[in-house]
N, C-alpha and C. Protein backbone atom coordinates (compact mmCIF):
# COMPACT_ATOMS: atom_id res chain seq x y z
N UNK A 1 110.77 94.48 102.73
CA UNK A 1 109.65 94.77 104.26
C UNK A 1 110.65 95.96 104.26
N UNK A 2 109.54 96.70 104.86
CA UNK A 2 110.16 98.28 105.63
C UNK A 2 109.94 98.08 106.80
N UNK A 3 111.16 98.86 107.37
CA UNK A 3 111.47 98.78 108.69
C UNK A 3 110.31 99.37 109.92
N UNK A 4 110.09 98.85 110.55
CA UNK A 4 108.84 99.29 111.64
C UNK A 4 109.98 100.60 112.58
N UNK A 5 108.70 101.87 112.95
CA UNK A 5 109.20 102.73 113.43
C UNK A 5 109.85 102.34 114.94
N UNK A 6 110.80 102.96 115.70
CA UNK A 6 111.07 102.67 116.70
C UNK A 6 109.85 103.15 117.56
N UNK A 7 109.74 102.09 118.75
CA UNK A 7 108.25 102.63 119.28
C UNK A 7 108.64 103.34 120.71
N UNK A 8 108.47 104.85 120.70
CA UNK A 8 108.38 105.40 121.53
C UNK A 8 106.99 106.37 122.07
N UNK A 9 106.52 106.39 122.98
CA UNK A 9 105.54 106.98 123.32
C UNK A 9 105.76 108.92 122.86
N UNK A 10 104.43 109.35 122.48
CA UNK A 10 104.37 110.94 121.75
C UNK A 10 105.06 111.81 122.40
N UNK A 11 105.29 111.50 124.05
CA UNK A 11 106.32 112.83 124.57
C UNK A 11 107.50 112.68 124.28
N UNK A 12 108.05 111.52 124.49
CA UNK A 12 109.40 110.59 124.59
C UNK A 12 110.22 111.28 123.27
N UNK A 13 108.82 111.09 121.65
CA UNK A 13 109.19 111.60 120.55
C UNK A 13 109.47 113.07 120.10
N UNK A 14 108.48 113.87 120.72
CA UNK A 14 108.20 114.85 120.36
C UNK A 14 109.17 115.90 121.21
N UNK A 15 109.28 115.83 122.37
CA UNK A 15 110.19 116.07 123.29
C UNK A 15 111.72 115.98 122.71
N UNK A 16 111.95 114.87 122.18
CA UNK A 16 113.63 114.65 120.90
C UNK A 16 113.39 115.43 119.83
N UNK A 17 112.44 115.49 118.88
CA UNK A 17 111.71 116.89 118.23
C UNK A 17 112.47 118.36 118.25
N UNK A 18 111.90 118.59 119.26
CA UNK A 18 112.15 119.58 120.20
C UNK A 18 113.91 120.49 120.32
N UNK A 19 114.38 119.12 121.04
CA UNK A 19 115.99 119.22 121.05
C UNK A 19 116.41 119.40 119.85
N UNK A 20 115.97 118.27 118.54
CA UNK A 20 116.77 118.51 117.71
C UNK A 20 116.33 120.34 117.15
N UNK A 21 115.27 120.69 116.66
CA UNK A 21 115.46 122.26 116.43
C UNK A 21 116.42 123.06 117.48
N UNK A 22 116.08 123.23 118.77
CA UNK A 22 117.03 123.85 119.19
C UNK A 22 118.38 123.84 119.26
N UNK A 23 118.96 122.11 118.56
CA UNK A 23 120.47 122.30 118.27
C UNK A 23 120.20 123.02 116.84
N UNK A 24 119.60 123.07 116.04
CA UNK A 24 119.69 123.71 114.86
C UNK A 24 119.59 125.17 115.26
N UNK A 25 118.90 126.17 115.97
CA UNK A 25 119.36 127.47 116.87
C UNK A 25 120.22 127.20 116.95
N UNK A 26 121.21 126.39 118.16
CA UNK A 26 122.19 126.53 118.58
C UNK A 26 123.19 126.96 116.96
N UNK A 27 123.51 125.82 116.32
CA UNK A 27 124.29 125.97 115.23
C UNK A 27 123.83 127.47 114.56
N UNK A 28 122.90 127.79 114.45
CA UNK A 28 122.50 128.81 113.31
C UNK A 28 122.94 130.14 114.24
N UNK A 29 122.89 130.24 115.66
CA UNK A 29 123.66 131.13 116.32
C UNK A 29 125.58 131.66 116.52
N UNK A 30 126.28 130.48 115.83
CA UNK A 30 127.30 130.30 115.89
C UNK A 30 127.66 130.11 114.56
N UNK A 31 127.23 130.73 113.37
CA UNK A 31 127.31 130.06 112.07
C UNK A 31 127.08 131.45 111.54
N UNK A 32 128.94 131.93 110.88
CA UNK A 32 128.99 133.32 110.21
C UNK A 32 128.67 133.45 109.07
N UNK A 33 128.98 132.07 108.02
CA UNK A 33 128.64 132.21 106.74
C UNK A 33 127.11 132.75 106.37
N UNK A 34 126.85 133.00 105.62
CA UNK A 34 125.32 133.54 104.76
C UNK A 34 124.99 132.70 104.30
N UNK A 35 125.48 131.22 103.43
CA UNK A 35 125.05 130.36 103.15
C UNK A 35 124.75 129.57 104.04
N UNK A 36 125.94 129.03 104.87
CA UNK A 36 125.57 128.33 106.27
C UNK A 36 123.81 128.39 107.07
N UNK A 37 124.06 129.23 106.88
CA UNK A 37 122.83 130.45 107.75
C UNK A 37 121.69 130.21 107.21
N UNK A 38 121.32 129.99 105.90
CA UNK A 38 120.52 129.62 104.61
C UNK A 38 119.85 128.19 104.95
N UNK A 39 121.38 127.43 104.84
CA UNK A 39 121.15 126.04 104.91
C UNK A 39 120.54 125.37 106.05
N UNK A 40 120.89 126.13 107.38
CA UNK A 40 119.95 126.07 108.77
C UNK A 40 118.46 126.75 108.78
N UNK A 41 118.25 128.02 108.16
CA UNK A 41 117.20 127.94 108.53
C UNK A 41 116.07 127.01 107.33
N UNK A 42 117.40 126.34 106.15
CA UNK A 42 116.20 125.69 105.16
C UNK A 42 115.69 124.04 106.14
N UNK A 43 116.81 123.68 107.10
CA UNK A 43 116.57 122.62 107.97
C UNK A 43 115.72 123.23 108.99
N UNK A 44 115.76 124.11 109.30
CA UNK A 44 114.43 124.19 110.62
C UNK A 44 113.42 124.70 110.13
N UNK A 45 113.10 124.91 108.83
CA UNK A 45 111.92 125.02 108.20
C UNK A 45 111.64 123.54 108.39
N UNK A 46 111.79 122.71 107.56
CA UNK A 46 111.84 121.10 107.38
C UNK A 46 111.33 120.23 108.54
N UNK A 47 111.54 121.12 109.60
CA UNK A 47 111.70 120.29 110.97
C UNK A 47 110.70 120.96 111.70
N UNK A 48 110.24 122.01 111.99
CA UNK A 48 109.35 122.91 112.14
C UNK A 48 108.09 122.76 111.63
N UNK A 49 108.14 122.59 110.29
CA UNK A 49 106.44 122.23 109.55
C UNK A 49 106.51 120.81 109.29
N UNK A 50 107.15 119.73 109.94
CA UNK A 50 107.26 118.47 109.86
C UNK A 50 106.16 118.12 111.05
N UNK A 51 106.95 118.91 112.23
CA UNK A 51 106.50 118.90 113.71
C UNK A 51 105.28 119.75 113.38
N UNK A 52 104.93 120.08 113.60
CA UNK A 52 103.64 121.02 112.94
C UNK A 52 102.42 120.30 112.48
N UNK A 53 102.89 119.81 111.44
CA UNK A 53 102.17 118.86 110.49
C UNK A 53 101.76 117.39 111.34
N UNK A 54 102.76 116.66 112.02
CA UNK A 54 102.07 115.78 113.15
C UNK A 54 101.61 115.98 114.12
N UNK A 55 101.90 117.35 114.88
CA UNK A 55 101.22 117.80 116.24
C UNK A 55 100.01 118.15 115.63
N UNK A 56 99.53 118.60 114.41
CA UNK A 56 98.17 118.86 113.73
C UNK A 56 96.99 117.50 113.19
N UNK A 57 97.71 116.94 112.99
CA UNK A 57 97.23 116.09 112.83
C UNK A 57 96.79 114.41 113.37
N UNK A 58 97.88 114.69 114.60
CA UNK A 58 97.71 113.32 115.63
C UNK A 58 97.65 113.91 116.86
N UNK A 59 98.52 114.79 117.42
CA UNK A 59 98.70 115.34 118.84
C UNK A 59 97.71 116.01 119.65
N UNK A 60 97.28 117.25 118.43
CA UNK A 60 95.99 118.15 118.55
C UNK A 60 94.67 117.69 119.17
N UNK A 61 94.26 116.39 118.21
CA UNK A 61 93.15 116.02 118.12
C UNK A 61 92.93 115.23 119.59
N UNK A 62 93.53 114.76 119.98
CA UNK A 62 93.70 114.12 121.58
C UNK A 62 93.93 114.99 122.56
N UNK A 63 94.55 116.58 122.47
CA UNK A 63 94.42 117.09 123.14
C UNK A 63 93.41 117.76 123.32
N UNK A 64 92.41 118.29 122.28
CA UNK A 64 90.96 118.57 122.30
C UNK A 64 90.14 117.60 123.20
N UNK A 65 90.00 116.08 123.16
CA UNK A 65 89.55 115.57 123.58
C UNK A 65 89.90 114.76 125.10
N UNK A 66 91.37 114.86 125.45
CA UNK A 66 91.75 114.06 126.68
C UNK A 66 91.94 115.35 127.70
N UNK A 67 92.10 116.53 127.92
CA UNK A 67 92.44 117.53 128.62
C UNK A 67 91.43 118.33 128.79
N UNK A 68 91.45 118.80 130.09
CA UNK A 68 90.16 120.36 130.38
C UNK A 68 90.77 121.45 129.88
N UNK A 69 89.81 121.96 129.02
CA UNK A 69 90.49 123.05 128.02
C UNK A 69 91.04 122.91 127.28
N UNK A 70 91.22 121.97 126.56
CA UNK A 70 91.84 121.00 125.32
C UNK A 70 91.66 121.84 124.27
N UNK A 71 90.35 122.59 124.12
CA UNK A 71 90.13 123.38 122.68
C UNK A 71 91.28 124.30 122.90
N UNK A 72 91.06 124.81 124.03
CA UNK A 72 91.65 126.19 124.04
C UNK A 72 93.48 125.78 123.89
N UNK A 73 93.72 125.14 124.68
CA UNK A 73 94.97 124.67 124.89
C UNK A 73 95.56 124.61 123.27
N UNK A 74 94.61 123.27 122.48
CA UNK A 74 95.15 123.12 121.28
C UNK A 74 95.25 124.82 120.37
N UNK A 75 94.25 125.44 120.33
CA UNK A 75 93.99 126.57 119.52
C UNK A 75 95.65 127.16 119.97
N UNK A 76 95.38 127.27 121.04
CA UNK A 76 97.11 128.13 121.89
C UNK A 76 98.42 127.93 120.85
N UNK A 77 98.43 126.32 120.91
CA UNK A 77 99.21 126.06 120.52
C UNK A 77 99.35 125.41 118.70
N UNK A 78 98.55 125.86 118.27
CA UNK A 78 98.71 125.73 116.85
C UNK A 78 98.50 127.13 116.13
N UNK A 79 98.15 128.03 116.79
CA UNK A 79 98.49 129.48 116.74
C UNK A 79 100.30 129.69 116.52
N UNK A 80 100.62 129.29 117.67
CA UNK A 80 102.31 129.48 117.66
C UNK A 80 102.78 129.17 116.67
N UNK A 81 102.69 127.97 116.04
CA UNK A 81 102.89 126.89 115.30
C UNK A 81 102.96 127.85 113.49
N UNK A 82 101.46 128.46 113.41
CA UNK A 82 100.94 129.04 112.55
C UNK A 82 102.46 130.08 112.40
N UNK A 83 102.62 130.95 113.48
CA UNK A 83 103.27 132.10 113.71
C UNK A 83 104.33 131.71 113.12
N UNK A 84 105.04 130.75 113.53
CA UNK A 84 106.34 130.38 113.19
C UNK A 84 106.38 129.67 112.02
N UNK A 85 105.80 129.60 111.03
CA UNK A 85 105.42 129.14 109.35
C UNK A 85 105.15 130.59 108.71
N UNK A 86 104.69 131.83 109.76
CA UNK A 86 104.39 132.94 108.78
C UNK A 86 105.52 133.43 108.93
N UNK A 87 106.68 133.48 109.93
CA UNK A 87 107.88 133.96 110.19
C UNK A 87 108.88 133.45 109.29
N UNK A 88 108.91 131.92 108.85
CA UNK A 88 109.53 130.85 108.00
C UNK A 88 109.03 131.55 106.31
N UNK A 89 107.75 132.16 106.09
CA UNK A 89 107.73 132.18 105.07
C UNK A 89 108.53 133.58 104.54
N UNK A 90 108.56 134.36 105.35
CA UNK A 90 109.08 135.96 105.72
C UNK A 90 110.44 135.70 105.21
N UNK A 91 111.02 134.61 106.12
CA UNK A 91 113.21 133.89 106.08
C UNK A 91 113.11 133.57 104.59
N UNK A 92 112.06 132.97 103.82
CA UNK A 92 112.50 132.03 102.92
C UNK A 92 112.14 133.18 101.57
N UNK A 93 111.77 134.57 102.18
CA UNK A 93 111.82 135.40 100.77
C UNK A 93 113.15 136.25 101.02
N UNK A 94 113.78 136.00 102.04
CA UNK A 94 115.07 137.37 102.67
C UNK A 94 116.12 136.63 102.02
N UNK A 95 116.98 137.79 101.74
CA UNK A 95 118.84 136.87 101.63
C UNK A 95 119.31 136.70 103.00
N UNK A 96 120.12 136.23 103.73
CA UNK A 96 120.38 136.16 104.75
C UNK A 96 121.58 136.95 105.13
N UNK A 97 121.48 137.75 104.43
CA UNK A 97 122.37 139.22 104.59
C UNK A 97 121.82 140.73 104.46
N UNK A 98 120.13 139.98 104.17
CA UNK A 98 119.42 141.34 104.51
C UNK A 98 119.66 141.55 106.23
N UNK A 99 119.25 143.03 106.45
CA UNK A 99 119.76 143.00 108.15
C UNK A 99 118.12 142.78 108.88
N UNK A 100 117.13 142.23 108.20
CA UNK A 100 116.09 141.89 108.60
C UNK A 100 116.07 140.17 108.64
N UNK A 101 116.37 139.55 108.22
CA UNK A 101 117.00 138.50 108.18
C UNK A 101 117.65 137.48 110.07
N UNK A 102 117.99 138.37 110.54
CA UNK A 102 118.83 138.03 111.81
C UNK A 102 117.91 138.35 112.70
N UNK A 103 117.38 139.54 113.15
CA UNK A 103 116.32 139.56 114.01
C UNK A 103 114.64 138.77 113.81
N UNK A 104 114.51 138.31 112.32
CA UNK A 104 113.64 137.35 112.07
C UNK A 104 114.18 135.91 112.63
N UNK A 105 114.86 135.53 112.59
CA UNK A 105 115.50 134.13 112.78
C UNK A 105 115.35 134.47 114.76
N UNK A 106 115.51 135.31 115.24
CA UNK A 106 115.51 135.70 116.50
C UNK A 106 114.10 135.16 117.24
N UNK A 107 113.09 136.06 116.31
CA UNK A 107 111.70 135.95 116.45
C UNK A 107 111.01 134.44 116.49
N UNK A 108 111.52 133.80 115.33
CA UNK A 108 111.62 132.55 115.14
C UNK A 108 112.03 131.25 116.42
N UNK A 109 112.95 131.87 116.82
CA UNK A 109 113.70 131.18 118.39
C UNK A 109 112.66 131.57 119.09
N UNK A 110 112.53 132.64 119.39
CA UNK A 110 111.60 132.76 120.94
C UNK A 110 109.66 132.27 120.65
N UNK A 111 109.10 132.20 119.11
CA UNK A 111 107.90 131.70 118.82
C UNK A 111 108.30 130.20 119.52
N UNK A 112 109.40 129.28 118.75
CA UNK A 112 109.11 128.48 118.66
C UNK A 112 109.74 127.86 120.56
N UNK A 113 110.42 128.44 121.31
CA UNK A 113 110.70 128.14 122.16
C UNK A 113 109.77 128.08 123.40
N UNK A 114 108.66 129.32 123.07
CA UNK A 114 107.82 129.47 123.68
C UNK A 114 106.56 128.55 122.86
N UNK A 115 106.25 127.53 122.37
CA UNK A 115 105.59 126.29 122.21
C UNK A 115 106.53 125.57 122.61
N UNK A 116 107.34 125.10 122.77
CA UNK A 116 108.37 123.98 123.10
C UNK A 116 107.41 123.91 125.08
N UNK A 117 107.85 125.18 126.12
CA UNK A 117 107.64 125.55 126.62
C UNK A 117 106.50 124.70 126.96
N UNK A 118 105.35 125.79 126.32
CA UNK A 118 104.34 125.35 126.74
C UNK A 118 103.72 124.09 126.31
N UNK A 119 104.52 123.10 125.47
CA UNK A 119 104.21 121.61 125.67
C UNK A 119 104.76 120.95 126.56
N UNK A 120 106.07 120.83 127.13
CA UNK A 120 106.67 120.46 127.75
C UNK A 120 106.31 121.06 129.35
N UNK A 121 105.81 121.71 129.07
CA UNK A 121 105.38 122.07 131.06
C UNK A 121 103.80 121.74 131.03
N UNK A 122 103.16 121.91 130.42
CA UNK A 122 101.73 121.96 130.45
C UNK A 122 101.26 120.82 130.06
N UNK A 123 101.28 120.54 128.53
CA UNK A 123 100.76 119.49 127.88
C UNK A 123 101.46 117.98 127.65
N UNK A 124 102.40 117.96 128.08
CA UNK A 124 103.14 116.36 128.13
C UNK A 124 102.65 116.13 129.33
N UNK A 125 102.93 116.58 130.70
CA UNK A 125 102.76 116.14 132.06
C UNK A 125 100.94 116.19 132.03
N UNK A 126 100.46 117.16 131.49
CA UNK A 126 98.83 116.66 131.54
C UNK A 126 98.39 114.95 130.71
N UNK A 127 99.18 114.85 129.30
CA UNK A 127 99.04 113.59 128.89
C UNK A 127 99.64 112.42 129.95
N UNK A 128 100.64 112.09 129.91
CA UNK A 128 100.68 111.35 130.51
C UNK A 128 100.08 111.10 131.99
N UNK A 129 99.33 112.22 132.32
CA UNK A 129 98.44 111.97 133.56
C UNK A 129 97.33 111.21 133.01
N UNK A 130 96.66 111.43 131.99
CA UNK A 130 95.49 111.14 131.47
C UNK A 130 95.17 110.20 130.72
N UNK A 131 96.34 109.97 129.60
CA UNK A 131 96.29 108.79 128.70
C UNK A 131 96.86 107.74 129.43
N UNK A 132 97.08 105.79 128.77
CA UNK A 132 97.47 105.08 129.35
C UNK A 132 99.05 105.08 128.57
N UNK A 133 99.79 104.26 128.84
CA UNK A 133 100.88 104.15 128.10
C UNK A 133 100.70 103.42 126.87
N UNK A 134 99.89 102.92 126.98
CA UNK A 134 99.38 102.12 125.06
C UNK A 134 99.15 103.08 124.62
N UNK A 135 97.88 104.01 124.88
CA UNK A 135 97.45 105.07 124.15
C UNK A 135 98.54 106.26 124.06
N UNK A 136 99.33 106.28 124.70
CA UNK A 136 101.03 107.33 124.34
C UNK A 136 101.80 106.46 123.42
N UNK A 137 101.89 104.92 123.26
CA UNK A 137 102.70 104.66 122.55
C UNK A 137 102.13 104.33 121.21
N UNK A 138 100.81 104.07 120.84
CA UNK A 138 99.81 104.40 119.72
C UNK A 138 100.10 105.73 119.43
N UNK A 139 100.06 106.58 119.91
CA UNK A 139 100.01 108.30 119.43
C UNK A 139 101.46 108.49 119.21
N UNK A 140 102.68 108.08 119.83
CA UNK A 140 104.12 107.81 118.96
C UNK A 140 104.35 107.42 117.97
N UNK A 141 103.86 106.15 118.16
CA UNK A 141 103.67 105.39 116.74
C UNK A 141 102.56 106.54 115.01
N UNK A 142 101.94 106.80 115.69
CA UNK A 142 100.97 108.12 114.40
C UNK A 142 101.93 109.18 114.26
N UNK A 143 102.50 109.54 115.06
CA UNK A 143 103.40 111.06 114.91
C UNK A 143 104.65 110.47 114.50
N UNK A 144 105.92 109.46 114.61
CA UNK A 144 106.28 109.18 114.23
C UNK A 144 106.12 108.72 112.87
N UNK A 145 105.04 108.15 112.02
CA UNK A 145 104.83 107.84 110.85
C UNK A 145 104.82 109.16 110.12
N UNK A 146 104.55 110.48 110.69
CA UNK A 146 103.38 111.52 110.08
C UNK A 146 105.34 112.66 109.99
N UNK A 147 106.75 111.78 110.93
CA UNK A 147 107.83 112.60 111.05
C UNK A 147 109.02 111.90 110.55
N UNK A 148 108.59 110.88 109.46
CA UNK A 148 109.27 110.57 108.64
C UNK A 148 110.23 111.49 108.10
N UNK A 149 111.59 111.09 107.61
CA UNK A 149 111.96 111.94 106.83
C UNK A 149 111.59 112.74 105.59
N UNK A 150 111.40 114.16 105.28
CA UNK A 150 110.71 114.28 103.97
C UNK A 150 111.20 114.29 102.65
N UNK A 151 111.07 113.59 101.64
CA UNK A 151 111.81 113.02 100.65
C UNK A 151 112.38 114.51 99.80
N UNK A 152 113.45 114.08 99.18
CA UNK A 152 113.69 114.94 98.35
C UNK A 152 112.99 116.53 97.86
N UNK A 153 113.17 117.96 98.09
CA UNK A 153 111.78 118.79 97.23
C UNK A 153 112.71 118.99 96.10
N UNK A 154 111.85 119.53 95.25
CA UNK A 154 112.51 119.80 93.71
C UNK A 154 113.33 120.82 93.92
N UNK A 155 114.67 121.11 93.51
CA UNK A 155 115.06 121.90 93.13
C UNK A 155 114.53 123.18 93.06
N UNK A 156 114.05 123.65 91.76
CA UNK A 156 113.28 124.73 91.72
C UNK A 156 113.10 125.85 92.83
N UNK A 157 112.69 126.96 92.34
CA UNK A 157 112.49 127.85 93.70
C UNK A 157 110.96 127.69 94.31
N UNK A 158 110.48 128.56 94.65
CA UNK A 158 109.14 128.40 95.52
C UNK A 158 107.96 128.39 94.84
N UNK A 159 108.28 129.40 94.00
CA UNK A 159 107.22 129.94 92.76
C UNK A 159 106.36 130.71 93.54
N UNK A 160 104.83 131.41 92.92
CA UNK A 160 104.51 132.56 93.33
C UNK A 160 103.35 132.00 94.61
N UNK A 161 103.48 132.67 95.67
CA UNK A 161 103.32 132.22 96.62
C UNK A 161 103.69 131.29 97.39
N UNK A 162 104.62 130.13 96.75
CA UNK A 162 105.00 128.52 97.29
C UNK A 162 106.28 129.25 98.24
N UNK A 163 106.04 129.19 99.35
CA UNK A 163 107.31 129.36 100.14
C UNK A 163 108.08 127.63 100.23
N UNK A 164 108.99 127.14 100.82
CA UNK A 164 110.08 126.44 101.32
C UNK A 164 108.83 125.81 102.19
N UNK A 165 108.36 126.08 103.32
CA UNK A 165 107.19 125.75 104.42
C UNK A 165 106.34 124.97 103.45
N UNK A 166 105.37 125.52 102.56
CA UNK A 166 104.38 124.99 101.44
C UNK A 166 104.91 123.73 101.24
N UNK A 167 105.71 123.67 100.73
CA UNK A 167 106.57 122.64 99.69
C UNK A 167 106.63 121.70 100.54
N UNK A 168 106.70 121.65 101.94
CA UNK A 168 107.20 120.93 102.93
C UNK A 168 105.99 120.47 103.24
N UNK A 169 105.03 121.35 103.70
CA UNK A 169 104.16 120.84 104.25
C UNK A 169 103.06 120.07 102.65
N UNK A 170 103.05 120.34 101.62
CA UNK A 170 102.35 119.87 100.57
C UNK A 170 102.72 118.67 100.42
N UNK A 171 104.26 118.17 100.52
CA UNK A 171 104.75 116.54 100.15
C UNK A 171 104.57 116.15 101.66
N UNK A 172 104.52 116.29 102.50
CA UNK A 172 104.05 115.53 104.17
C UNK A 172 102.44 115.36 103.85
N UNK A 173 101.60 116.14 103.49
CA UNK A 173 100.09 116.04 103.59
C UNK A 173 99.59 115.19 102.32
N UNK A 174 100.22 115.96 101.46
CA UNK A 174 99.67 115.28 99.89
C UNK A 174 98.92 116.39 99.09
N UNK A 175 98.97 117.67 99.51
CA UNK A 175 98.30 118.94 99.94
C UNK A 175 98.14 119.75 100.35
N UNK A 176 97.94 121.48 99.71
CA UNK A 176 98.75 122.78 99.58
C UNK A 176 97.94 122.69 101.19
N UNK A 177 97.89 123.93 101.78
CA UNK A 177 97.81 124.39 102.93
C UNK A 177 96.26 124.99 102.59
């Protein structure tokens, strides 16, 4: 028998995910060892891609229908997540000792922080105003199912044109991007 995911509303669940990513960023800021920085970026990659897939699959379709200017809001948030994934793909190809690595991580932190602020300051309060408690809980269950832990990825490198972010997305969605 499989355990039921803890029932939380979508705002609580996604806010917790935001905090987890911010904690990984904090860890990166204090990491000195290149191997440790690489591991943290890999964990950040998994978390950001899981978050993106969940929001693209469940949150943004709801935002489009429930919020005024929902299409525009969803498109802007999706573009921020796509930019984060582009940066992650660049990081995947770099050695942590490369002089471009840290500036790219800082750019990633800026993009993800802007995404978090947009959701927490605009999207989440609007959803709380416009959706019922039951709708928020159902959406939280759907997002929670999508953000379940990613099964282990194969240890081989990404291969031509396949980054870690691509492999995580493929594992979560069952298909390539």
